[in-house]
Amino acid sequence: MPIIVNLDVMLAKRKMRLSDLSNRIGLTLPNLSILKTGKAKAIRFSTLEAICEVLDCQPGDLLEYVSEE
């Protein structure tokens, strides 16, 4: 998939665990785990906004496009 999710990188930079983020944004740990591992097919803007607010980052810090060429 050409979209790479860098949630694990941002969590490490902020010294935060996935479970802490889950509690702060009100999303279940399994759903966040699916996003973190890159297995998610979509993300709601409201979820992206909440993650960016808690991690103090921009959407571009979390999502990266890589060409498949």
PDB file of N, CA and C in Angstrom:
ATOM      1  N   MET A   1       0.853  -1.183   0.000  1.00  0.00           N
ATOM      2  CA  MET A   1       0.000   0.000   0.000  1.00  0.00           C
ATOM      3  C   MET A   1       0.890   1.235   0.000  1.00  0.00           C
ATOM      4  N   PRO A   2       0.596   2.187  -0.857  1.00  0.00           N
ATOM      5  CA  PRO A   2       1.468   3.357  -0.947  1.00  0.00           C
ATOM      6  C   PRO A   2       1.308   4.382   0.178  1.00  0.00           C
ATOM      7  N   ILE A   3       0.333   4.224   1.059  1.00  0.00           N
ATOM      8  CA  ILE A   3       0.193   5.129   2.198  1.00  0.00           C
ATOM      9  C   ILE A   3       0.786   4.444   3.425  1.00  0.00           C
ATOM     10  N   ILE A   4       1.777   5.086   4.013  1.00  0.00           N
ATOM     11  CA  ILE A   4       2.453   4.571   5.198  1.00  0.00           C
ATOM     12  C   ILE A   4       1.962   5.345   6.414  1.00  0.00           C
ATOM     13  N   VAL A   5       1.583   4.634   7.469  1.00  0.00           N
ATOM     14  CA  VAL A   5       1.120   5.257   8.710  1.00  0.00           C
ATOM     15  C   VAL A   5       2.290   5.255   9.694  1.00  0.00           C
ATOM     16  N   ASN A   6       2.699   6.438  10.111  1.00  0.00           N
ATOM     17  CA  ASN A   6       3.835   6.603  11.017  1.00  0.00           C
ATOM     18  C   ASN A   6       3.398   6.872  12.457  1.00  0.00           C
ATOM     19  N   LEU A   7       2.304   6.263  12.858  1.00  0.00           N
ATOM     20  CA  LEU A   7       1.795   6.473  14.215  1.00  0.00           C
ATOM     21  C   LEU A   7       2.798   5.993  15.258  1.00  0.00           C
ATOM     22  N   ASP A   8       3.443   4.870  15.003  1.00  0.00           N
ATOM     23  CA  ASP A   8       4.422   4.352  15.963  1.00  0.00           C
ATOM     24  C   ASP A   8       5.599   5.311  16.151  1.00  0.00           C
ATOM     25  N   VAL A   9       6.000   5.975  15.073  1.00  0.00           N
ATOM     26  CA  VAL A   9       7.099   6.943  15.147  1.00  0.00           C
ATOM     27  C   VAL A   9       6.704   8.135  16.015  1.00  0.00           C
ATOM     28  N   MET A  10       5.494   8.641  15.793  1.00  0.00           N
ATOM     29  CA  MET A  10       5.038   9.798  16.582  1.00  0.00           C
ATOM     30  C   MET A  10       4.837   9.426  18.040  1.00  0.00           C
ATOM     31  N   LEU A  11       4.344   8.227  18.299  1.00  0.00           N
ATOM     32  CA  LEU A  11       4.187   7.782  19.688  1.00  0.00           C
ATOM     33  C   LEU A  11       5.546   7.715  20.378  1.00  0.00           C
ATOM     34  N   ALA A  12       6.545   7.213  19.687  1.00  0.00           N
ATOM     35  CA  ALA A  12       7.888   7.126  20.261  1.00  0.00           C
ATOM     36  C   ALA A  12       8.461   8.518  20.516  1.00  0.00           C
ATOM     37  N   LYS A  13       8.260   9.439  19.586  1.00  0.00           N
ATOM     38  CA  LYS A  13       8.759  10.810  19.766  1.00  0.00           C
ATOM     39  C   LYS A  13       8.120  11.487  20.970  1.00  0.00           C
ATOM     40  N   ARG A  14       6.851  11.156  21.209  1.00  0.00           N
ATOM     41  CA  ARG A  14       6.115  11.781  22.322  1.00  0.00           C
ATOM     42  C   ARG A  14       6.207  10.955  23.609  1.00  0.00           C
ATOM     43  N   LYS A  15       6.937   9.825  23.522  1.00  0.00           N
ATOM     44  CA  LYS A  15       7.094   8.923  24.671  1.00  0.00           C
ATOM     45  C   LYS A  15       5.730   8.524  25.246  1.00  0.00           C
ATOM     46  N   MET A  16       4.866   8.096  24.338  1.00  0.00           N
ATOM     47  CA  MET A  16       3.504   7.727  24.708  1.00  0.00           C
ATOM     48  C   MET A  16       3.219   6.311  24.230  1.00  0.00           C
ATOM     49  N   ARG A  17       2.472   5.563  25.007  1.00  0.00           N
ATOM     50  CA  ARG A  17       2.059   4.216  24.615  1.00  0.00           C
ATOM     51  C   ARG A  17       0.742   4.288  23.854  1.00  0.00           C
ATOM     52  N   LEU A  18       0.502   3.261  23.060  1.00  0.00           N
ATOM     53  CA  LEU A  18      -0.734   3.196  22.282  1.00  0.00           C
ATOM     54  C   LEU A  18      -1.951   3.189  23.206  1.00  0.00           C
ATOM     55  N   SER A  19      -1.849   2.512  24.331  1.00  0.00           N
ATOM     56  CA  SER A  19      -2.969   2.462  25.279  1.00  0.00           C
ATOM     57  C   SER A  19      -3.263   3.841  25.867  1.00  0.00           C
ATOM     58  N   ASP A  20      -2.226   4.650  26.093  1.00  0.00           N
ATOM     59  CA  ASP A  20      -2.432   6.014  26.589  1.00  0.00           C
ATOM     60  C   ASP A  20      -3.178   6.855  25.560  1.00  0.00           C
ATOM     61  N   LEU A  21      -2.756   6.722  24.295  1.00  0.00           N
ATOM     62  CA  LEU A  21      -3.430   7.454  23.217  1.00  0.00           C
ATOM     63  C   LEU A  21      -4.879   7.000  23.100  1.00  0.00           C
ATOM     64  N   SER A  22      -5.102   5.711  23.194  1.00  0.00           N
ATOM     65  CA  SER A  22      -6.448   5.156  23.129  1.00  0.00           C
ATOM     66  C   SER A  22      -7.358   5.780  24.189  1.00  0.00           C
ATOM     67  N   ASN A  23      -6.860   5.844  25.404  1.00  0.00           N
ATOM     68  CA  ASN A  23      -7.643   6.430  26.499  1.00  0.00           C
ATOM     69  C   ASN A  23      -7.913   7.912  26.285  1.00  0.00           C
ATOM     70  N   ARG A  24      -6.952   8.625  25.750  1.00  0.00           N
ATOM     71  CA  ARG A  24      -7.096  10.078  25.591  1.00  0.00           C
ATOM     72  C   ARG A  24      -8.012  10.479  24.447  1.00  0.00           C
ATOM     73  N   ILE A  25      -8.072   9.654  23.390  1.00  0.00           N
ATOM     74  CA  ILE A  25      -8.934  10.026  22.262  1.00  0.00           C
ATOM     75  C   ILE A  25     -10.244   9.257  22.226  1.00  0.00           C
ATOM     76  N   GLY A  26     -10.380   8.253  23.090  1.00  0.00           N
ATOM     77  CA  GLY A  26     -11.642   7.522  23.155  1.00  0.00           C
ATOM     78  C   GLY A  26     -11.840   6.529  22.027  1.00  0.00           C
ATOM     79  N   LEU A  27     -10.753   6.000  21.484  1.00  0.00           N
ATOM     80  CA  LEU A  27     -10.830   4.981  20.438  1.00  0.00           C
ATOM     81  C   LEU A  27     -10.301   3.686  21.027  1.00  0.00           C
ATOM     82  N   THR A  28     -10.896   2.571  20.633  1.00  0.00           N
ATOM     83  CA  THR A  28     -10.483   1.296  21.218  1.00  0.00           C
ATOM     84  C   THR A  28      -9.050   0.954  20.819  1.00  0.00           C
ATOM     85  N   LEU A  29      -8.385   0.236  21.691  1.00  0.00           N
ATOM     86  CA  LEU A  29      -7.010  -0.187  21.439  1.00  0.00           C
ATOM     87  C   LEU A  29      -6.897  -1.048  20.171  1.00  0.00           C
ATOM     88  N   PRO A  30      -7.811  -2.008  19.949  1.00  0.00           N
ATOM     89  CA  PRO A  30      -7.711  -2.785  18.701  1.00  0.00           C
ATOM     90  C   PRO A  30      -7.824  -1.918  17.440  1.00  0.00           C
ATOM     91  N   ASN A  31      -8.697  -0.921  17.452  1.00  0.00           N
ATOM     92  CA  ASN A  31      -8.833  -0.051  16.281  1.00  0.00           C
ATOM     93  C   ASN A  31      -7.578   0.779  16.055  1.00  0.00           C
ATOM     94  N   LEU A  32      -6.986   1.281  17.121  1.00  0.00           N
ATOM     95  CA  LEU A  32      -5.741   2.028  16.985  1.00  0.00           C
ATOM     96  C   LEU A  32      -4.609   1.123  16.523  1.00  0.00           C
ATOM     97  N   SER A  33      -4.610  -0.100  16.984  1.00  0.00           N
ATOM     98  CA  SER A  33      -3.589  -1.056  16.579  1.00  0.00           C
ATOM     99  C   SER A  33      -3.670  -1.343  15.086  1.00  0.00           C
ATOM    100  N   ILE A  34      -4.869  -1.467  14.560  1.00  0.00           N
ATOM    101  CA  ILE A  34      -5.072  -1.678  13.123  1.00  0.00           C
ATOM    102  C   ILE A  34      -4.512  -0.491  12.343  1.00  0.00           C
ATOM    103  N   LEU A  35      -4.744   0.710  12.841  1.00  0.00           N
ATOM    104  CA  LEU A  35      -4.211   1.907  12.196  1.00  0.00           C
ATOM    105  C   LEU A  35      -2.682   1.923  12.270  1.00  0.00           C
ATOM    106  N   LYS A  36      -2.155   1.624  13.436  1.00  0.00           N
ATOM    107  CA  LYS A  36      -0.706   1.651  13.658  1.00  0.00           C
ATOM    108  C   LYS A  36       0.035   0.665  12.760  1.00  0.00           C
ATOM    109  N   THR A  37      -0.544  -0.509  12.552  1.00  0.00           N
ATOM    110  CA  THR A  37       0.121  -1.530  11.742  1.00  0.00           C
ATOM    111  C   THR A  37      -0.081  -1.324  10.242  1.00  0.00           C
ATOM    112  N   GLY A  38      -0.837  -0.306   9.858  1.00  0.00           N
ATOM    113  CA  GLY A  38      -1.045  -0.019   8.446  1.00  0.00           C
ATOM    114  C   GLY A  38      -2.094  -0.887   7.788  1.00  0.00           C
ATOM    115  N   LYS A  39      -2.902  -1.587   8.576  1.00  0.00           N
ATOM    116  CA  LYS A  39      -3.924  -2.477   8.020  1.00  0.00           C
ATOM    117  C   LYS A  39      -5.272  -1.784   7.818  1.00  0.00           C
ATOM    118  N   ALA A  40      -5.376  -0.543   8.266  1.00  0.00           N
ATOM    119  CA  ALA A  40      -6.636   0.200   8.142  1.00  0.00           C
ATOM    120  C   ALA A  40      -6.879   0.574   6.683  1.00  0.00           C
ATOM    121  N   LYS A  41      -8.117   0.527   6.279  1.00  0.00           N
ATOM    122  CA  LYS A  41      -8.499   0.899   4.917  1.00  0.00           C
ATOM    123  C   LYS A  41      -8.904   2.371   4.835  1.00  0.00           C
ATOM    124  N   ALA A  42      -9.240   2.967   5.988  1.00  0.00           N
ATOM    125  CA  ALA A  42      -9.689   4.353   6.013  1.00  0.00           C
ATOM    126  C   ALA A  42      -9.499   4.904   7.431  1.00  0.00           C
ATOM    127  N   ILE A  43      -9.547   6.228   7.529  1.00  0.00           N
ATOM    128  CA  ILE A  43      -9.515   6.882   8.831  1.00  0.00           C
ATOM    129  C   ILE A  43     -10.457   8.077   8.767  1.00  0.00           C
ATOM    130  N   ARG A  44     -11.239   8.257   9.794  1.00  0.00           N
ATOM    131  CA  ARG A  44     -12.152   9.404   9.854  1.00  0.00           C
ATOM    132  C   ARG A  44     -11.348  10.661  10.169  1.00  0.00           C
ATOM    133  N   PHE A  45     -11.767  11.767   9.589  1.00  0.00           N
ATOM    134  CA  PHE A  45     -11.093  13.030   9.876  1.00  0.00           C
ATOM    135  C   PHE A  45     -11.163  13.374  11.360  1.00  0.00           C
ATOM    136  N   SER A  46     -12.264  13.015  12.010  1.00  0.00           N
ATOM    137  CA  SER A  46     -12.393  13.312  13.438  1.00  0.00           C
ATOM    138  C   SER A  46     -11.371  12.518  14.255  1.00  0.00           C
ATOM    139  N   THR A  47     -11.092  11.286  13.837  1.00  0.00           N
ATOM    140  CA  THR A  47     -10.073  10.464  14.499  1.00  0.00           C
ATOM    141  C   THR A  47      -8.690  11.042  14.248  1.00  0.00           C
ATOM    142  N   LEU A  48      -8.420  11.407  13.007  1.00  0.00           N
ATOM    143  CA  LEU A  48      -7.137  12.007  12.655  1.00  0.00           C
ATOM    144  C   LEU A  48      -6.916  13.303  13.426  1.00  0.00           C
ATOM    145  N   GLU A  49      -7.965  14.105  13.538  1.00  0.00           N
ATOM    146  CA  GLU A  49      -7.890  15.360  14.285  1.00  0.00           C
ATOM    147  C   GLU A  49      -7.575  15.100  15.757  1.00  0.00           C
ATOM    148  N   ALA A  50      -8.239  14.122  16.358  1.00  0.00           N
ATOM    149  CA  ALA A  50      -8.008  13.809  17.772  1.00  0.00           C
ATOM    150  C   ALA A  50      -6.580  13.313  17.999  1.00  0.00           C
ATOM    151  N   ILE A  51      -6.081  12.468  17.108  1.00  0.00           N
ATOM    152  CA  ILE A  51      -4.712  11.969  17.236  1.00  0.00           C
ATOM    153  C   ILE A  51      -3.719  13.115  17.118  1.00  0.00           C
ATOM    154  N   CYS A  52      -3.921  13.980  16.132  1.00  0.00           N
ATOM    155  CA  CYS A  52      -3.025  15.122  15.939  1.00  0.00           C
ATOM    156  C   CYS A  52      -3.059  16.069  17.144  1.00  0.00           C
ATOM    157  N   GLU A  53      -4.227  16.244  17.727  1.00  0.00           N
ATOM    158  CA  GLU A  53      -4.344  17.129  18.892  1.00  0.00           C
ATOM    159  C   GLU A  53      -3.564  16.563  20.079  1.00  0.00           C
ATOM    160  N   VAL A  54      -3.731  15.284  20.350  1.00  0.00           N
ATOM    161  CA  VAL A  54      -3.065  14.660  21.498  1.00  0.00           C
ATOM    162  C   VAL A  54      -1.552  14.580  21.279  1.00  0.00           C
ATOM    163  N   LEU A  55      -1.136  14.228  20.051  1.00  0.00           N
ATOM    164  CA  LEU A  55       0.293  14.069  19.776  1.00  0.00           C
ATOM    165  C   LEU A  55       0.963  15.380  19.366  1.00  0.00           C
ATOM    166  N   ASP A  56       0.173  16.455  19.258  1.00  0.00           N
ATOM    167  CA  ASP A  56       0.688  17.766  18.866  1.00  0.00           C
ATOM    168  C   ASP A  56       1.490  17.657  17.565  1.00  0.00           C
ATOM    169  N   CYS A  57       0.797  17.178  16.526  1.00  0.00           N
ATOM    170  CA  CYS A  57       1.456  16.991  15.233  1.00  0.00           C
ATOM    171  C   CYS A  57       0.493  17.353  14.111  1.00  0.00           C
ATOM    172  N   GLN A  58       0.978  17.260  12.899  1.00  0.00           N
ATOM    173  CA  GLN A  58       0.184  17.514  11.701  1.00  0.00           C
ATOM    174  C   GLN A  58      -0.160  16.173  11.041  1.00  0.00           C
ATOM    175  N   PRO A  59      -1.243  16.119  10.244  1.00  0.00           N
ATOM    176  CA  PRO A  59      -1.579  14.877   9.550  1.00  0.00           C
ATOM    177  C   PRO A  59      -0.412  14.338   8.717  1.00  0.00           C
ATOM    178  N   GLY A  60       0.379  15.217   8.138  1.00  0.00           N
ATOM    179  CA  GLY A  60       1.530  14.797   7.346  1.00  0.00           C
ATOM    180  C   GLY A  60       2.618  14.127   8.167  1.00  0.00           C
ATOM    181  N   ASP A  61       2.605  14.348   9.476  1.00  0.00           N
ATOM    182  CA  ASP A  61       3.551  13.659  10.352  1.00  0.00           C
ATOM    183  C   ASP A  61       3.149  12.196  10.538  1.00  0.00           C
ATOM    184  N   LEU A  62       1.868  11.919  10.354  1.00  0.00           N
ATOM    185  CA  LEU A  62       1.339  10.571  10.576  1.00  0.00           C
ATOM    186  C   LEU A  62       1.199   9.762   9.299  1.00  0.00           C
ATOM    187  N   LEU A  63       0.918  10.434   8.196  1.00  0.00           N
ATOM    188  CA  LEU A  63       0.655   9.751   6.936  1.00  0.00           C
ATOM    189  C   LEU A  63       1.690  10.143   5.896  1.00  0.00           C
ATOM    190  N   GLU A  64       2.161   9.152   5.153  1.00  0.00           N
ATOM    191  CA  GLU A  64       3.194   9.383   4.148  1.00  0.00           C
ATOM    192  C   GLU A  64       2.837   8.603   2.892  1.00  0.00           C
ATOM    193  N   TYR A  65       2.978   9.240   1.748  1.00  0.00           N
ATOM    194  CA  TYR A  65       2.746   8.565   0.476  1.00  0.00           C
ATOM    195  C   TYR A  65       4.065   8.089  -0.097  1.00  0.00           C
ATOM    196  N   VAL A  66       4.140   6.818  -0.473  1.00  0.00           N
ATOM    197  CA  VAL A  66       5.328   6.245  -1.095  1.00  0.00           C
ATOM    198  C   VAL A  66       4.895   5.594  -2.396  1.00  0.00           C
ATOM    199  N   SER A  67       5.484   6.020  -3.493  1.00  0.00           N
ATOM    200  CA  SER A  67       5.154   5.469  -4.794  1.00  0.00           C
ATOM    201  C   SER A  67       5.528   3.995  -4.865  1.00  0.00           C
ATOM    202  N   GLU A  68       4.716   3.207  -5.570  1.00  0.00           N
ATOM    203  CA  GLU A  68       4.956   1.774  -5.697  1.00  0.00           C
ATOM    204  C   GLU A  68       5.886   1.438  -6.852  1.00  0.00           C
ATOM    205  N   GLU A  69       6.404   2.429  -7.536  1.00  0.00           N
ATOM    206  CA  GLU A  69       7.259   2.189  -8.699  1.00  0.00           C
ATOM    207  C   GLU A  69       8.574   1.579  -8.327  1.00  0.00           C
TER     208      GLU A  69
END
